[in-house]
């Protein structure tokens, strides 16, 4: 690869002992400089590495003027250096640097641009103030960790493209200005200047367009799709994100699973040299919720939950005996080796359970088949049954939550994840991929009443309910699947409805009659009328893939120019007001909120 230009012959990371006695020209940023008795040492950095440059005075055979110019350099000054590559003396070799066997003795120095003497923050090391980092993102991105992150991201995107193309996929772009077709989250709207009062939407996903591509005969499509959603933000969500979006014709779920497992295995091997075990395990949505309390369980976080309500009925406590009578649930979770934990740690886990709505976290310890501590005194008659059902060993800790099904699942899921962190169960483990399948197609709309789509309304109901899904929506399960990695949803997909009659029936369940369906989705329905093939696909979150590959906890660390959790960009100060003339051209007026009284 040719990296030389008119200003540089080599990049900093390429200056090795193979270039000894060679003249080089280098460009980069001053990482740091040191004055050692009149000899100036500068660590010069670019994205390829760091090289030490030496500026000698007249007494050392150098140029005093160049040495004095180097003496005035600040961290992050942009400079160009020419000089000769020489070996370092044995006592100055730096084995911590790839270029640590050599240095460049400078014969010329040109300051291309100066940085301020006082930087907003040091580029080397971690910076706690995230908003400050994002305000000066150009400096933040110079940090070594982020340089490596975006090099990895580039490698992953190339590997994804190459793999999918090798499997017969075509990379096809879908539009960014689209018709608003409600898919759950709020749309970003773009007013049309040439059609006053009408709006484009920015795409939440390429969903309908990739389905139409299937109708059009492009039986294998993909793109690295930019998607935008006007929704509340958090660490793993941004208003704009990138997904590896793909769709295939003449497939069912098994075909998608096989293709995606091959893709992600290739990505982990290519980017991290990690072998991913295949095939991925599978759980239905019902199994995941019952055993782990979540539809995205981390299989590395310890044992699954066990049912305890029937055993609680045999306890000597009125509180526990009444669980079923109140219509509640009670589940338990075994912590192998947790019997060594102090009451303080157990109380901290109780606080974690409280964040999920639990009124308390019951516990007991196991030793030689006997129960002790916590609520053990109430379960003496069923001690043997509890030990057998939980598969507990001596030294284990048993944790329990009672309450509504939602509270029990949410609370124990939080506790299980916290226990996994404290026990270090996830450290050093291979990536735990999991397919979660057979999601409900519909769920109750608690605010408006009626039904709403769990994922989206274009999902094919499973074969065992395709004839009854609109008559019994509460029982309908779909050919829906999520790919989960280490407790994080990595992607979601489904086999799609490809017939007008089925699509109209599904829309009717969520309150969209045929007239509204034609108004909102007429272009899709008309496409279905022209020989639409069975098809399905998935969208994998590229940002989440990189976040998990690099061990980051926030998407903002893997997106070059992210928004804060207030949906603003401190660097370029967007969103921002626009001139009144532009608003007038768009026929848009701004309604100001009344002053607060």
Foldseek 3Di string as FASTA:
>chain_A
DQPDDPQWRDEALVQAPVQAQHKTKYKAWFLDWDQDPLKIWTWGDDLNFTAIEIAHDVVVVADNVQSVVSVPAAGGFIKMFIFGKHADDPVQQDPVGSRRRIHGYTHHMDGPGHDDNDDLDRLEDDDDDVQSCLQPVVSVCRRNLLSVLQVLLVQLVVLLVVLLVVVVEDEDDDDQFADDFDWDFDWDWAFDLVDFPDITTGAQDCVLVVLLVLLVVRFKYWYQDWHAGPDFDDQADFRIFTWTWIKGFPDALVVQQVSVVVSVQSSCCRRPVAGDDDDAAEAACVRCCQFQVDLFAQPLLAGTKFFCLVLLCVWQDPVSVCQVVVVKGKIKGKQALCLVDDVVVVVVLQVLLVVLPFPGKFKWAAAPQATDDGCSNRRRVCSNVVCVRNVDDHNMMMIMTMDHSSSRSSSRNSSSVVSSVVVVSPPPDGKRKYKYFFAQQWDADVPPGFIDGPRGLFFQWDPVCLPPCLVCSVPTTTQKMFIHISRHTFKIKHWGDLALVSSQSSVVRVPQHPVNCCVNPVVSNVSSVSDRGGMMHMIGGSLVVSCVSSVHRGSVSNDSQGADSVNARSNVTPPDDDDVVVCVSSVHDDDDDDDDD
